[in-house]
N, C-alpha and C. Protein backbone atom coordinates (compact mmCIF):
# COMPACT_ATOMS: atom_id res chain seq x y z
N MET A 1 -6.32 2.89 -19.43
CA MET A 1 -7.48 3.34 -18.67
C MET A 1 -7.00 4.17 -17.47
N GLY A 2 -7.64 5.31 -17.21
CA GLY A 2 -7.25 6.20 -16.13
C GLY A 2 -7.71 5.70 -14.78
N VAL A 3 -7.34 6.46 -13.76
CA VAL A 3 -7.73 6.13 -12.40
C VAL A 3 -9.22 6.42 -12.23
N VAL A 4 -9.92 5.54 -11.58
CA VAL A 4 -11.36 5.67 -11.36
C VAL A 4 -11.64 6.68 -10.26
N GLY A 5 -12.72 7.44 -10.42
CA GLY A 5 -13.14 8.41 -9.41
C GLY A 5 -13.51 7.74 -8.11
N PRO A 6 -13.92 8.51 -7.13
CA PRO A 6 -14.22 7.97 -5.80
C PRO A 6 -15.34 6.94 -5.84
N THR A 7 -15.16 5.86 -5.12
CA THR A 7 -16.19 4.84 -4.99
C THR A 7 -17.19 5.26 -3.91
N GLU A 8 -18.29 4.56 -3.85
CA GLU A 8 -19.29 4.86 -2.81
C GLU A 8 -18.66 4.71 -1.42
N GLU A 9 -17.84 3.68 -1.26
CA GLU A 9 -17.18 3.46 0.04
C GLU A 9 -16.23 4.61 0.38
N GLU A 10 -15.48 5.10 -0.61
CA GLU A 10 -14.57 6.22 -0.37
C GLU A 10 -15.33 7.49 -0.03
N ILE A 11 -16.48 7.68 -0.67
CA ILE A 11 -17.31 8.85 -0.35
C ILE A 11 -17.76 8.77 1.10
N ARG A 12 -18.19 7.58 1.52
CA ARG A 12 -18.68 7.37 2.88
C ARG A 12 -17.56 7.46 3.91
N LYS A 13 -16.44 6.82 3.63
CA LYS A 13 -15.38 6.69 4.64
C LYS A 13 -14.35 7.81 4.62
N VAL A 14 -14.21 8.51 3.48
CA VAL A 14 -13.15 9.50 3.35
C VAL A 14 -13.71 10.92 3.19
N ILE A 15 -14.57 11.09 2.20
CA ILE A 15 -15.05 12.44 1.89
C ILE A 15 -16.05 12.96 2.92
N MET A 16 -17.03 12.18 3.28
CA MET A 16 -18.05 12.66 4.23
C MET A 16 -17.45 13.04 5.58
N PRO A 17 -16.61 12.20 6.20
CA PRO A 17 -16.01 12.62 7.47
C PRO A 17 -15.17 13.89 7.34
N LEU A 18 -14.54 14.05 6.19
CA LEU A 18 -13.73 15.24 5.97
C LEU A 18 -14.61 16.49 5.94
N MET A 19 -15.75 16.38 5.28
CA MET A 19 -16.69 17.50 5.23
C MET A 19 -17.22 17.83 6.62
N LEU A 20 -17.50 16.79 7.39
CA LEU A 20 -18.02 16.99 8.75
C LEU A 20 -16.97 17.59 9.68
N SER A 21 -15.70 17.42 9.32
CA SER A 21 -14.62 17.94 10.17
C SER A 21 -14.36 19.42 9.92
N GLY A 22 -15.05 19.99 8.95
CA GLY A 22 -14.88 21.41 8.67
C GLY A 22 -13.97 21.72 7.50
N ALA A 23 -13.51 20.71 6.80
CA ALA A 23 -12.68 20.96 5.62
C ALA A 23 -13.55 21.59 4.53
N LYS A 24 -12.94 22.40 3.71
CA LYS A 24 -13.67 23.11 2.66
C LYS A 24 -13.52 22.36 1.33
N MET A 25 -14.68 21.99 0.73
CA MET A 25 -14.64 21.36 -0.58
C MET A 25 -14.51 22.47 -1.62
N LEU A 26 -13.51 22.33 -2.47
CA LEU A 26 -13.25 23.34 -3.49
C LEU A 26 -14.01 23.04 -4.78
N GLU A 27 -14.07 24.01 -5.66
CA GLU A 27 -14.74 23.83 -6.95
C GLU A 27 -13.83 23.13 -7.95
N ARG A 28 -12.61 22.89 -7.58
CA ARG A 28 -11.65 22.20 -8.46
C ARG A 28 -11.67 20.70 -8.17
N HIS A 29 -11.25 19.93 -9.16
CA HIS A 29 -11.21 18.48 -9.02
C HIS A 29 -9.81 17.95 -9.26
N CYS A 30 -9.53 16.82 -8.68
CA CYS A 30 -8.23 16.16 -8.83
C CYS A 30 -8.05 15.73 -10.28
N PRO A 31 -6.93 16.10 -10.91
CA PRO A 31 -6.70 15.68 -12.29
C PRO A 31 -6.44 14.17 -12.41
N LYS A 32 -6.09 13.55 -11.31
CA LYS A 32 -5.77 12.12 -11.33
C LYS A 32 -7.00 11.24 -11.18
N CYS A 33 -7.88 11.56 -10.22
CA CYS A 33 -9.03 10.66 -9.96
C CYS A 33 -10.39 11.34 -10.15
N GLY A 34 -10.41 12.65 -10.28
CA GLY A 34 -11.67 13.34 -10.49
C GLY A 34 -12.41 13.72 -9.23
N SER A 35 -11.89 13.37 -8.08
CA SER A 35 -12.53 13.71 -6.80
C SER A 35 -12.42 15.21 -6.56
N PRO A 36 -13.38 15.78 -5.84
CA PRO A 36 -13.23 17.20 -5.47
C PRO A 36 -11.99 17.36 -4.58
N LEU A 37 -11.31 18.48 -4.79
CA LEU A 37 -10.17 18.81 -3.93
C LEU A 37 -10.71 19.48 -2.67
N PHE A 38 -9.97 19.35 -1.59
CA PHE A 38 -10.35 19.94 -0.31
C PHE A 38 -9.25 20.84 0.20
N GLU A 39 -9.63 21.76 1.07
CA GLU A 39 -8.66 22.61 1.74
C GLU A 39 -8.91 22.54 3.24
N LYS A 40 -7.85 22.29 3.97
CA LYS A 40 -7.95 22.26 5.43
C LYS A 40 -6.61 22.73 5.99
N ASP A 41 -6.66 23.63 6.94
CA ASP A 41 -5.46 24.17 7.57
C ASP A 41 -4.48 24.72 6.54
N GLY A 42 -5.02 25.35 5.48
CA GLY A 42 -4.19 25.97 4.46
C GLY A 42 -3.60 25.01 3.44
N ARG A 43 -3.96 23.76 3.52
CA ARG A 43 -3.41 22.74 2.61
C ARG A 43 -4.51 22.27 1.66
N VAL A 44 -4.23 22.29 0.35
CA VAL A 44 -5.16 21.78 -0.67
C VAL A 44 -4.70 20.38 -1.03
N PHE A 45 -5.65 19.44 -1.03
CA PHE A 45 -5.29 18.04 -1.28
C PHE A 45 -6.47 17.25 -1.83
N CYS A 46 -6.15 16.10 -2.38
CA CYS A 46 -7.17 15.16 -2.84
C CYS A 46 -7.28 14.06 -1.78
N PRO A 47 -8.40 14.00 -1.06
CA PRO A 47 -8.51 12.99 -0.01
C PRO A 47 -8.56 11.57 -0.54
N VAL A 48 -9.10 11.40 -1.74
CA VAL A 48 -9.21 10.05 -2.30
C VAL A 48 -7.83 9.52 -2.69
N CYS A 49 -7.04 10.33 -3.38
CA CYS A 49 -5.69 9.88 -3.75
C CYS A 49 -4.83 9.61 -2.51
N GLU A 50 -4.95 10.47 -1.49
CA GLU A 50 -4.20 10.24 -0.25
C GLU A 50 -4.64 8.95 0.43
N HIS A 51 -5.94 8.71 0.45
CA HIS A 51 -6.48 7.49 1.06
C HIS A 51 -5.96 6.26 0.31
N ARG A 52 -6.02 6.31 -1.02
CA ARG A 52 -5.57 5.17 -1.83
C ARG A 52 -4.07 4.93 -1.64
N SER A 53 -3.31 5.99 -1.52
CA SER A 53 -1.86 5.86 -1.29
C SER A 53 -1.59 5.17 0.05
N ARG A 54 -2.32 5.59 1.09
CA ARG A 54 -2.16 4.94 2.41
C ARG A 54 -2.55 3.47 2.34
N GLU A 55 -3.62 3.16 1.62
CA GLU A 55 -4.07 1.77 1.49
C GLU A 55 -3.01 0.92 0.79
N ARG A 56 -2.42 1.46 -0.27
CA ARG A 56 -1.38 0.71 -0.98
C ARG A 56 -0.19 0.45 -0.07
N LYS A 57 0.24 1.46 0.67
CA LYS A 57 1.39 1.29 1.56
C LYS A 57 1.09 0.29 2.65
N THR A 58 -0.09 0.35 3.22
CA THR A 58 -0.49 -0.60 4.27
C THR A 58 -0.52 -2.01 3.71
N GLY A 59 -1.10 -2.17 2.54
CA GLY A 59 -1.18 -3.49 1.92
C GLY A 59 0.19 -4.07 1.63
N ALA A 60 1.06 -3.25 1.09
CA ALA A 60 2.41 -3.71 0.78
C ALA A 60 3.15 -4.06 2.06
N GLY A 61 2.96 -3.28 3.11
CA GLY A 61 3.60 -3.55 4.39
C GLY A 61 3.15 -4.87 4.97
N ASP A 62 1.86 -5.18 4.83
CA ASP A 62 1.34 -6.45 5.32
C ASP A 62 1.96 -7.61 4.57
N VAL A 63 2.09 -7.48 3.26
CA VAL A 63 2.68 -8.53 2.44
C VAL A 63 4.14 -8.71 2.83
N GLU A 64 4.85 -7.60 2.97
CA GLU A 64 6.26 -7.69 3.33
C GLU A 64 6.43 -8.35 4.70
N GLU A 65 5.55 -8.00 5.63
CA GLU A 65 5.62 -8.60 6.97
C GLU A 65 5.41 -10.11 6.90
N ARG A 66 4.44 -10.55 6.10
CA ARG A 66 4.19 -11.99 5.97
C ARG A 66 5.37 -12.69 5.30
N LEU A 67 5.97 -12.04 4.30
CA LEU A 67 7.14 -12.63 3.65
C LEU A 67 8.30 -12.76 4.62
N MET A 68 8.51 -11.75 5.46
CA MET A 68 9.58 -11.81 6.46
C MET A 68 9.33 -12.94 7.46
N GLU A 69 8.08 -13.10 7.87
CA GLU A 69 7.75 -14.18 8.80
C GLU A 69 8.06 -15.53 8.18
N LYS A 70 7.68 -15.71 6.91
CA LYS A 70 7.94 -16.97 6.21
C LYS A 70 9.45 -17.19 6.06
N LEU A 71 10.18 -16.14 5.75
CA LEU A 71 11.63 -16.25 5.61
C LEU A 71 12.27 -16.68 6.93
N THR A 72 11.82 -16.09 8.01
CA THR A 72 12.34 -16.44 9.34
C THR A 72 12.01 -17.90 9.67
N GLU A 73 10.80 -18.30 9.34
CA GLU A 73 10.38 -19.69 9.58
C GLU A 73 11.26 -20.66 8.78
N LEU A 74 11.49 -20.35 7.52
CA LEU A 74 12.33 -21.22 6.69
C LEU A 74 13.77 -21.25 7.18
N ALA A 75 14.28 -20.12 7.60
CA ALA A 75 15.66 -20.05 8.10
C ALA A 75 15.84 -20.89 9.36
N GLY A 76 14.78 -21.03 10.13
CA GLY A 76 14.86 -21.80 11.37
C GLY A 76 14.63 -23.29 11.20
N SER A 77 14.36 -23.72 9.97
CA SER A 77 14.07 -25.14 9.76
C SER A 77 14.78 -25.69 8.53
N MET A 78 16.10 -25.60 8.53
CA MET A 78 16.88 -26.08 7.40
C MET A 78 16.93 -27.61 7.40
N PRO A 79 16.55 -28.23 6.27
CA PRO A 79 16.59 -29.70 6.20
C PRO A 79 18.02 -30.23 6.04
N ASP A 80 18.22 -31.48 6.41
CA ASP A 80 19.53 -32.11 6.29
C ASP A 80 19.79 -32.64 4.88
N ASP A 81 18.75 -33.08 4.20
CA ASP A 81 18.87 -33.63 2.85
C ASP A 81 19.29 -32.52 1.88
N ILE A 82 20.32 -32.78 1.08
CA ILE A 82 20.88 -31.77 0.18
C ILE A 82 19.84 -31.30 -0.85
N ALA A 83 19.09 -32.20 -1.45
CA ALA A 83 18.10 -31.83 -2.46
C ALA A 83 17.01 -30.94 -1.84
N LEU A 84 16.55 -31.30 -0.65
CA LEU A 84 15.54 -30.49 0.03
C LEU A 84 16.11 -29.14 0.46
N LEU A 85 17.37 -29.16 0.87
CA LEU A 85 18.03 -27.92 1.28
C LEU A 85 18.13 -26.95 0.09
N GLU A 86 18.46 -27.47 -1.10
CA GLU A 86 18.55 -26.62 -2.29
C GLU A 86 17.19 -25.99 -2.61
N LYS A 87 16.11 -26.78 -2.50
CA LYS A 87 14.77 -26.25 -2.74
C LYS A 87 14.42 -25.19 -1.69
N HIS A 88 14.75 -25.50 -0.48
CA HIS A 88 14.51 -24.61 0.65
C HIS A 88 15.20 -23.26 0.43
N LEU A 89 16.47 -23.30 0.05
CA LEU A 89 17.24 -22.09 -0.19
C LEU A 89 16.72 -21.32 -1.41
N SER A 90 16.25 -22.05 -2.41
CA SER A 90 15.68 -21.42 -3.60
C SER A 90 14.42 -20.62 -3.24
N VAL A 91 13.58 -21.19 -2.40
CA VAL A 91 12.37 -20.50 -1.95
C VAL A 91 12.76 -19.26 -1.14
N MET A 92 13.74 -19.40 -0.27
CA MET A 92 14.20 -18.26 0.53
C MET A 92 14.73 -17.14 -0.37
N GLU A 93 15.47 -17.51 -1.41
CA GLU A 93 16.00 -16.53 -2.35
C GLU A 93 14.86 -15.77 -3.05
N LYS A 94 13.83 -16.49 -3.45
CA LYS A 94 12.69 -15.85 -4.12
C LYS A 94 11.96 -14.90 -3.16
N ILE A 95 11.84 -15.29 -1.91
CA ILE A 95 11.20 -14.42 -0.92
C ILE A 95 12.01 -13.14 -0.74
N ILE A 96 13.32 -13.26 -0.67
CA ILE A 96 14.19 -12.09 -0.53
C ILE A 96 14.05 -11.17 -1.74
N GLU A 97 13.96 -11.74 -2.94
CA GLU A 97 13.76 -10.93 -4.15
C GLU A 97 12.42 -10.18 -4.08
N LEU A 98 11.37 -10.86 -3.63
CA LEU A 98 10.05 -10.22 -3.51
C LEU A 98 10.08 -9.07 -2.51
N ILE A 99 10.74 -9.28 -1.40
CA ILE A 99 10.85 -8.22 -0.39
C ILE A 99 11.57 -7.02 -1.00
N GLY A 100 12.62 -7.27 -1.74
CA GLY A 100 13.35 -6.18 -2.41
C GLY A 100 12.47 -5.43 -3.38
N LYS A 101 11.63 -6.14 -4.13
CA LYS A 101 10.73 -5.47 -5.07
C LYS A 101 9.70 -4.61 -4.34
N TYR A 102 9.14 -5.13 -3.26
CA TYR A 102 8.18 -4.34 -2.48
C TYR A 102 8.82 -3.08 -1.91
N ARG A 103 10.03 -3.22 -1.44
CA ARG A 103 10.72 -2.05 -0.88
C ARG A 103 11.02 -1.01 -1.95
N SER A 104 11.38 -1.47 -3.15
CA SER A 104 11.66 -0.50 -4.21
C SER A 104 10.38 0.19 -4.67
N LEU A 105 9.25 -0.50 -4.61
CA LEU A 105 7.97 0.13 -4.95
C LEU A 105 7.58 1.19 -3.93
N GLU A 106 7.99 0.99 -2.69
CA GLU A 106 7.65 1.93 -1.63
C GLU A 106 8.69 3.05 -1.51
N GLY A 107 9.66 3.07 -2.39
CA GLY A 107 10.66 4.15 -2.35
C GLY A 107 11.83 3.86 -1.45
N GLY A 108 12.19 2.60 -1.30
CA GLY A 108 13.37 2.25 -0.55
C GLY A 108 13.18 2.14 0.94
N LYS A 109 12.01 2.23 1.43
CA LYS A 109 11.63 2.08 2.85
C LYS A 109 12.75 1.84 3.79
């Protein structure tokens, strides 16, 4: 299934303000999402795809930040019991793997 065209919220929050700012809506459409392409300051772009890209990056950054906070919390509270320590370290290892995956999705941030 392809990428869905602009939602009502995207039209309200992304496209309408762009039109009000003086950007020119072109007769061409984005091949990826179907949104009208815009031109502003000599640059042709799809505002919906750019908006979605920013949203994905922000979301991933928030997740990575929360994972780092949890990792720091775990690192500061190492248990004395060997069995609990092994579980603790296993969770920390999984968090580090997740952070690495998020960074690779974002292009190596």
